[in-house]
Amino acid sequence: MTNTSPDVLVRVEDVAKEYPIKGGIMRRTVGNVHAVSGVTLEVRRGETLGLVGESGSGKSTLGRMLVRLEEPTAGSIRIGDSDPDRPPTPAERRRAQLVFQNPQTSLNPRVSIGSSIAEPLRVHRSLPARDIPQRVAELLELVRLQPSFADRLPFELSGGQRQRVGIARALACDPEFLVLDESIASLDVSVQAQIINLLTDLQRDLGLSYVFITHDLSVARHVSDRIAVMYLGQIVELGPAEEVIQHPQHPYTRALRSAIPVPDPEADTVRDRIVLVGEIPSPVTPPSGCRFRTRCRFATELCAAEQPELVPLPGGAPVSVACHHLSTVQESS
């Protein structure tokens, strides 16, 4: 990726992540889990990039690498003008923060809410100790909680309130970029809407950029400016959210779209459903060529022999797709 536009905040170039598998008495490496393989994308300033795929597609691993909780096995990640060839400095780490999926397990049950939010302020020493309580109160109000919540323990809060605390803690270091890892998946639908509205307001007021990780394409459509669809560690489709939802190009994206619930029962019974056969392959031994070919009805010998590249659609469309038989897929719709 050679884009040097100032509008691009995060650049990911050919990133891979492998985890060694140890076996035998000597605990030697006997294989690798290919969690992420050759991902290239960018996140623009002030935008939300939705990252969509099944469980095991590598979404969370990519998210953890974006905030440098894990380092890539290969490739580079650059936030702003940081140098991808050296470990990030503390100041660079503060620019990207993670909001975890489960707000109950991400908070220490024995530590007060105020202490949890104050911890990153103490670690990074961005404020004098005497000013930390006031900053904690400001962060709680920012996520629409009363400052009195600082004295409570996590078990005294609802799931939505705990997730607001998780967001406040992520904002404690004044980041530019948040990775939201299934951050509403464990909440009730009504609470999900409240958290989404909160995140939208925070993005507008603070100028934040988001990577919103989800398995739900309908949620990604609602919150995202662009959507990247992942399958078994690779991006198979990337483009504007409405374009990807309304006119999906890759067979996998089409299958995901067909699984979106339709509120009209009559319309739901007559629409075409694409049912994928089999389970997602093991990332230990991913298929050769196109990794989706083992579940794709359009697959040929070419798909097994060569990995398709993620390339823009002909005609200048703003969508990129990784598929050898795109014209055949389009004709089938």
Protein backbone atom coordinates (compact mmCIF):
# COMPACT_ATOMS: atom_id res chain seq x y z
CA MET A 1 0.00 0.00 0.00
CA THR A 2 1.49 3.32 -1.05
CA ASN A 3 -1.32 5.69 -0.09
CA THR A 4 0.14 8.56 1.92
CA SER A 5 -3.06 10.64 2.16
CA PRO A 6 -3.34 12.63 5.41
CA ASP A 7 -6.95 11.39 5.60
CA VAL A 8 -5.65 7.86 6.30
CA LEU A 9 -5.04 7.26 10.00
CA VAL A 10 -4.25 3.51 10.03
CA ARG A 11 -2.39 1.63 7.31
CA VAL A 12 -2.19 -2.17 7.36
CA GLU A 13 0.04 -3.72 4.72
CA ASP A 14 0.28 -7.45 3.99
CA VAL A 15 -0.14 -8.34 7.68
CA ALA A 16 0.01 -11.97 8.82
CA LYS A 17 -0.23 -13.61 12.23
CA GLU A 18 0.71 -17.22 12.96
CA TYR A 19 0.67 -19.05 16.28
CA PRO A 20 3.05 -22.00 16.68
CA ILE A 21 1.66 -25.37 17.73
CA LYS A 22 3.92 -27.20 20.14
CA GLY A 23 4.00 -30.99 20.41
CA GLY A 24 6.05 -33.93 21.65
CA ILE A 25 8.26 -34.28 24.70
CA MET A 26 10.60 -31.54 23.51
CA ARG A 27 7.69 -29.17 22.79
CA ARG A 28 8.86 -28.55 19.28
CA THR A 29 6.85 -26.58 16.76
CA VAL A 30 4.82 -29.08 14.75
CA GLY A 31 2.63 -26.62 12.89
CA ASN A 32 1.14 -23.14 12.84
CA VAL A 33 -2.29 -21.61 13.20
CA HIS A 34 -2.67 -19.18 10.29
CA ALA A 35 -4.95 -16.68 12.03
CA VAL A 36 -4.41 -13.74 9.64
CA SER A 37 -2.82 -14.02 6.21
CA GLY A 38 -1.82 -11.11 3.99
CA VAL A 39 -4.36 -8.46 5.03
CA THR A 40 -4.01 -5.00 3.49
CA LEU A 41 -6.43 -2.18 4.33
CA GLU A 42 -6.65 1.35 5.68
CA VAL A 43 -8.82 3.25 8.14
CA ARG A 44 -9.52 6.88 7.37
CA ARG A 45 -9.78 9.64 9.92
CA GLY A 46 -13.28 9.94 11.38
CA GLU A 47 -14.67 6.85 9.66
CA THR A 48 -16.00 3.52 10.91
CA LEU A 49 -14.68 0.43 9.16
CA GLY A 50 -16.86 -2.62 9.81
CA LEU A 51 -14.96 -5.91 10.01
CA VAL A 52 -17.35 -8.80 9.35
CA GLY A 53 -17.02 -12.58 9.27
CA GLU A 54 -17.78 -15.86 11.00
CA SER A 55 -16.17 -16.94 14.24
CA GLY A 56 -12.63 -18.08 13.44
CA SER A 57 -12.19 -15.69 10.51
CA GLY A 58 -9.40 -13.75 12.23
CA LYS A 59 -11.32 -10.54 13.04
CA SER A 60 -10.36 -10.33 16.71
CA THR A 61 -6.74 -11.27 16.02
CA LEU A 62 -6.49 -8.45 13.49
CA GLY A 63 -8.11 -6.08 15.98
CA ARG A 64 -5.60 -6.97 18.69
CA MET A 65 -2.76 -6.34 16.28
CA LEU A 66 -4.19 -2.95 15.35
CA VAL A 67 -3.83 -1.80 18.97
CA ARG A 68 -0.49 -3.64 19.27
CA LEU A 69 -1.62 -6.06 21.96
CA GLU A 70 -0.07 -8.59 19.59
CA GLU A 71 2.65 -8.07 17.04
CA PRO A 72 2.26 -9.33 13.48
CA THR A 73 4.33 -12.24 12.24
CA ALA A 74 4.80 -10.40 8.95
CA GLY A 75 3.74 -7.14 7.36
CA SER A 76 3.41 -3.69 8.88
CA ILE A 77 0.88 -1.59 10.81
CA ARG A 78 1.22 2.17 10.84
CA ILE A 79 -0.92 4.59 12.87
CA GLY A 80 -0.44 8.14 11.67
CA ASP A 81 3.24 8.83 11.14
CA SER A 82 4.51 6.02 13.40
CA ASP A 83 7.43 3.88 12.26
CA PRO A 84 6.21 0.31 11.64
CA ASP A 85 9.77 -1.05 11.79
CA ARG A 86 10.18 -0.44 15.54
CA PRO A 87 8.07 -1.17 18.62
CA PRO A 88 5.47 1.52 19.32
CA THR A 89 6.32 4.15 21.91
CA PRO A 90 3.97 4.71 24.90
CA ALA A 91 2.63 7.83 23.19
CA GLU A 92 1.86 5.82 20.04
CA ARG A 93 0.17 3.09 22.07
CA ARG A 94 -2.17 5.66 23.59
CA ARG A 95 -3.44 6.57 20.12
CA ALA A 96 -5.22 3.22 19.68
CA GLN A 97 -7.37 1.52 22.31
CA LEU A 98 -9.56 -1.60 22.50
CA VAL A 99 -13.11 -2.03 23.81
CA PHE A 100 -13.57 -5.70 24.70
CA GLN A 101 -16.55 -7.90 23.86
CA ASN A 102 -17.62 -8.94 27.36
CA PRO A 103 -17.83 -5.98 29.76
CA GLN A 104 -18.17 -8.29 32.76
CA THR A 105 -14.91 -10.20 32.27
CA SER A 106 -12.95 -7.15 31.10
CA LEU A 107 -13.42 -5.42 34.48
CA ASN A 108 -11.78 -6.58 37.71
CA PRO A 109 -14.71 -7.58 39.97
CA ARG A 110 -12.82 -6.49 43.11
CA VAL A 111 -11.84 -3.05 41.88
CA SER A 112 -14.15 -0.04 41.88
CA ILE A 113 -15.29 1.53 38.65
CA GLY A 114 -13.34 4.69 39.43
CA SER A 115 -10.12 2.76 40.00
CA SER A 116 -10.57 0.82 36.74
CA ILE A 117 -10.93 4.02 34.75
CA ALA A 118 -8.09 5.71 36.65
CA GLU A 119 -5.63 2.87 35.98
CA PRO A 120 -4.63 3.95 32.45
CA LEU A 121 -4.27 7.52 33.72
CA ARG A 122 -1.85 6.33 36.40
CA VAL A 123 0.06 3.96 34.10
CA HIS A 124 0.62 6.56 31.42
CA ARG A 125 1.08 9.37 33.97
CA SER A 126 -0.80 11.77 31.78
CA LEU A 127 -2.26 13.59 34.82
CA PRO A 128 -1.10 14.56 38.30
CA ALA A 129 -2.57 12.26 40.94
CA ARG A 130 -4.67 15.07 42.43
CA ASP A 131 -6.44 15.62 39.07
CA ILE A 132 -7.33 11.96 38.39
CA PRO A 133 -10.67 11.87 40.32
CA GLN A 134 -11.94 14.87 38.37
CA ARG A 135 -10.90 13.28 35.07
CA VAL A 136 -12.63 10.02 36.05
CA ALA A 137 -15.83 11.97 36.74
CA GLU A 138 -15.55 13.69 33.35
CA LEU A 139 -15.11 10.35 31.56
CA LEU A 140 -18.14 8.87 33.31
CA GLU A 141 -20.25 11.84 32.25
CA LEU A 142 -18.87 11.49 28.72
CA VAL A 143 -20.38 7.99 28.47
CA ARG A 144 -23.60 9.18 30.16
CA LEU A 145 -23.06 7.77 33.65
CA GLN A 146 -23.26 9.67 36.92
CA PRO A 147 -19.90 10.46 38.59
CA SER A 148 -21.20 8.57 41.67
CA PHE A 149 -20.71 5.34 39.70
CA ALA A 150 -16.98 5.66 40.45
CA ASP A 151 -17.59 4.20 43.93
CA ARG A 152 -19.46 1.12 42.68
CA LEU A 153 -18.18 -2.36 41.87
CA PRO A 154 -18.83 -4.03 38.49
CA PHE A 155 -21.47 -6.44 39.86
CA GLU A 156 -23.61 -3.44 40.86
CA LEU A 157 -23.94 -2.34 37.22
CA SER A 158 -26.01 -3.66 34.34
CA GLY A 159 -24.37 -5.04 31.20
CA GLY A 160 -24.92 -1.80 29.30
CA GLN A 161 -23.50 0.27 32.15
CA ARG A 162 -20.43 -1.96 32.35
CA GLN A 163 -19.85 -1.53 28.63
CA ARG A 164 -20.06 2.23 29.06
CA VAL A 165 -17.34 1.92 31.70
CA GLY A 166 -15.24 -0.08 29.22
CA ILE A 167 -15.64 2.71 26.68
CA ALA A 168 -14.74 5.34 29.30
CA ARG A 169 -11.60 3.41 30.20
CA ALA A 170 -10.61 3.21 26.52
CA LEU A 171 -11.09 6.98 26.21
CA ALA A 172 -8.95 7.73 29.28
CA CYS A 173 -5.79 8.16 27.20
CA ASP A 174 -7.44 10.44 24.60
CA PRO A 175 -7.04 8.00 21.70
CA GLU A 176 -7.63 8.77 18.03
CA PHE A 177 -8.65 5.23 17.13
CA LEU A 178 -10.83 2.58 18.83
CA VAL A 179 -11.18 -1.10 17.99
CA LEU A 180 -14.63 -2.29 19.11
CA ASP A 181 -14.43 -6.08 19.33
CA GLU A 182 -18.03 -7.39 19.27
CA SER A 183 -18.68 -4.67 21.84
CA ILE A 184 -22.48 -4.95 21.69
CA ALA A 185 -22.84 -8.69 21.02
CA SER A 186 -23.57 -9.64 24.66
CA LEU A 187 -26.16 -6.88 25.22
CA ASP A 188 -29.93 -6.77 24.79
CA VAL A 189 -31.17 -5.25 21.53
CA SER A 190 -32.47 -2.06 23.17
CA VAL A 191 -29.17 -1.58 25.01
CA GLN A 192 -27.25 -2.26 21.79
CA ALA A 193 -29.03 0.70 20.20
CA GLN A 194 -28.09 2.94 23.14
CA ILE A 195 -24.42 1.96 22.92
CA ILE A 196 -24.38 2.48 19.14
CA ASN A 197 -25.90 5.95 19.57
CA LEU A 198 -23.30 6.74 22.25
CA LEU A 199 -20.45 5.62 19.99
CA THR A 200 -21.85 7.72 17.13
CA ASP A 201 -21.98 10.82 19.33
CA LEU A 202 -18.47 10.23 20.67
CA GLN A 203 -17.12 9.83 17.16
CA ARG A 204 -18.71 13.09 16.09
CA ASP A 205 -17.62 15.04 19.17
CA LEU A 206 -14.10 13.63 19.55
CA GLY A 207 -13.21 12.94 15.91
CA LEU A 208 -12.56 9.24 16.56
CA SER A 209 -11.95 6.50 14.01
CA TYR A 210 -13.42 3.04 14.64
CA VAL A 211 -12.88 -0.52 13.55
CA PHE A 212 -16.17 -2.19 14.45
CA ILE A 213 -15.76 -5.97 14.63
CA THR A 214 -18.97 -7.98 14.34
CA HIS A 215 -20.42 -11.19 12.94
CA ASP A 216 -23.71 -9.41 12.16
CA LEU A 217 -23.80 -7.83 8.71
CA SER A 218 -26.97 -5.87 9.51
CA VAL A 219 -25.28 -4.17 12.48
CA ALA A 220 -22.20 -3.45 10.36
CA ARG A 221 -24.43 -1.84 7.76
CA HIS A 222 -25.97 0.47 10.36
CA VAL A 223 -22.74 1.71 11.95
CA SER A 224 -20.11 1.51 9.17
CA ASP A 225 -18.94 3.81 6.43
CA ARG A 226 -17.09 0.91 4.78
CA ILE A 227 -17.19 -2.85 5.32
CA ALA A 228 -14.38 -5.40 5.05
CA VAL A 229 -15.51 -9.03 4.87
CA MET A 230 -13.04 -11.57 6.30
CA TYR A 231 -12.90 -15.29 5.67
CA LEU A 232 -10.30 -17.56 7.24
CA GLY A 233 -7.78 -14.79 7.83
CA GLN A 234 -8.16 -12.92 4.54
CA ILE A 235 -10.21 -10.00 3.20
CA VAL A 236 -12.51 -11.20 0.43
CA GLU A 237 -14.54 -8.01 -0.16
CA LEU A 238 -14.06 -4.37 0.80
CA GLY A 239 -16.11 -1.31 -0.06
CA PRO A 240 -18.74 1.25 1.00
CA ALA A 241 -21.21 -0.25 3.46
CA GLU A 242 -24.36 0.26 1.38
CA GLU A 243 -22.66 -1.00 -1.77
CA VAL A 244 -21.41 -4.17 -0.07
CA ILE A 245 -24.84 -4.86 1.48
CA GLN A 246 -27.04 -3.94 -1.47
CA HIS A 247 -24.81 -5.42 -4.19
CA PRO A 248 -22.55 -8.08 -2.62
CA GLN A 249 -20.05 -9.49 -5.11
CA HIS A 250 -18.15 -12.29 -3.39
CA PRO A 251 -20.05 -15.60 -2.90
CA TYR A 252 -19.26 -15.49 0.83
CA THR A 253 -20.63 -11.96 1.23
CA ARG A 254 -23.77 -13.03 -0.62
CA ALA A 255 -24.25 -15.91 1.78
CA LEU A 256 -23.82 -13.60 4.78
CA ARG A 257 -26.33 -11.14 3.32
CA SER A 258 -28.91 -13.85 2.71
CA ALA A 259 -28.74 -14.75 6.41
CA ILE A 260 -29.84 -11.25 7.53
CA PRO A 261 -33.30 -11.60 9.15
CA VAL A 262 -36.20 -9.97 7.29
CA PRO A 263 -38.93 -8.44 9.47
CA ASP A 264 -41.69 -9.35 6.98
CA PRO A 265 -42.56 -13.09 7.41
CA GLU A 266 -44.05 -13.36 3.92
CA ALA A 267 -41.02 -11.81 2.27
CA ASP A 268 -38.74 -14.04 4.33
CA THR A 269 -40.40 -17.22 3.02
CA VAL A 270 -39.98 -16.33 -0.66
CA ARG A 271 -36.49 -14.83 -0.70
CA ASP A 272 -33.51 -16.85 -1.92
CA ARG A 273 -31.34 -18.22 0.87
CA ILE A 274 -27.73 -19.26 0.29
CA VAL A 275 -26.82 -22.05 2.67
CA LEU A 276 -23.12 -22.75 2.95
CA VAL A 277 -22.24 -26.44 3.15
CA GLY A 278 -19.75 -27.59 5.76
CA GLU A 279 -17.78 -25.76 8.42
CA ILE A 280 -15.09 -23.13 8.05
CA PRO A 281 -11.81 -25.02 7.43
CA SER A 282 -9.12 -25.28 10.08
CA PRO A 283 -6.66 -22.36 10.11
CA VAL A 284 -3.95 -24.93 10.82
CA THR A 285 -4.31 -26.41 7.33
CA PRO A 286 -6.15 -23.81 5.25
CA PRO A 287 -7.17 -24.81 1.70
CA SER A 288 -4.79 -24.00 -1.13
CA GLY A 289 -5.63 -21.18 -3.50
CA CYS A 290 -8.93 -19.54 -2.58
CA ARG A 291 -9.70 -20.41 1.03
CA PHE A 292 -13.44 -20.22 0.41
CA ARG A 293 -13.38 -22.76 -2.42
CA THR A 294 -14.30 -25.75 -0.22
CA ARG A 295 -17.70 -24.15 0.45
CA CYS A 296 -18.22 -22.32 -2.85
CA ARG A 297 -20.52 -23.64 -5.60
CA PHE A 298 -18.55 -21.71 -8.24
CA ALA A 299 -15.16 -23.24 -7.39
CA THR A 300 -12.99 -24.73 -10.16
CA GLU A 301 -9.47 -26.13 -10.44
CA LEU A 302 -8.20 -22.56 -10.84
CA CYS A 303 -9.51 -21.73 -7.38
CA ALA A 304 -7.46 -24.57 -5.88
CA ALA A 305 -4.31 -23.63 -7.80
CA GLU A 306 -4.16 -19.85 -7.36
CA GLN A 307 -5.10 -17.46 -4.58
CA PRO A 308 -7.26 -14.63 -5.95
CA GLU A 309 -6.07 -11.09 -5.32
CA LEU A 310 -8.24 -8.39 -3.77
CA VAL A 311 -8.71 -6.05 -6.75
CA PRO A 312 -11.15 -3.24 -7.60
CA LEU A 313 -14.19 -4.08 -9.69
CA PRO A 314 -13.97 -3.15 -13.39
CA GLY A 315 -15.38 0.23 -14.28
CA GLY A 316 -14.00 2.15 -11.35
CA ALA A 317 -16.46 0.88 -8.74
CA PRO A 318 -15.31 1.59 -5.14
CA VAL A 319 -15.52 -2.11 -4.19
CA SER A 320 -12.62 -4.59 -4.20
CA VAL A 321 -13.23 -8.36 -4.42
CA ALA A 322 -11.02 -11.46 -4.27
CA CYS A 323 -12.65 -13.96 -6.65
CA HIS A 324 -11.52 -15.75 -9.83
CA HIS A 325 -15.06 -16.16 -11.21
CA LEU A 326 -16.66 -12.83 -10.48
CA SER A 327 -18.49 -12.64 -13.83
CA THR A 328 -20.01 -16.09 -13.28
CA VAL A 329 -21.16 -15.12 -9.79
CA GLN A 330 -22.73 -11.92 -11.12
CA GLU A 331 -24.56 -13.79 -13.90
CA SER A 332 -26.05 -16.22 -11.38
CA SER A 333 -27.87 -13.47 -9.46
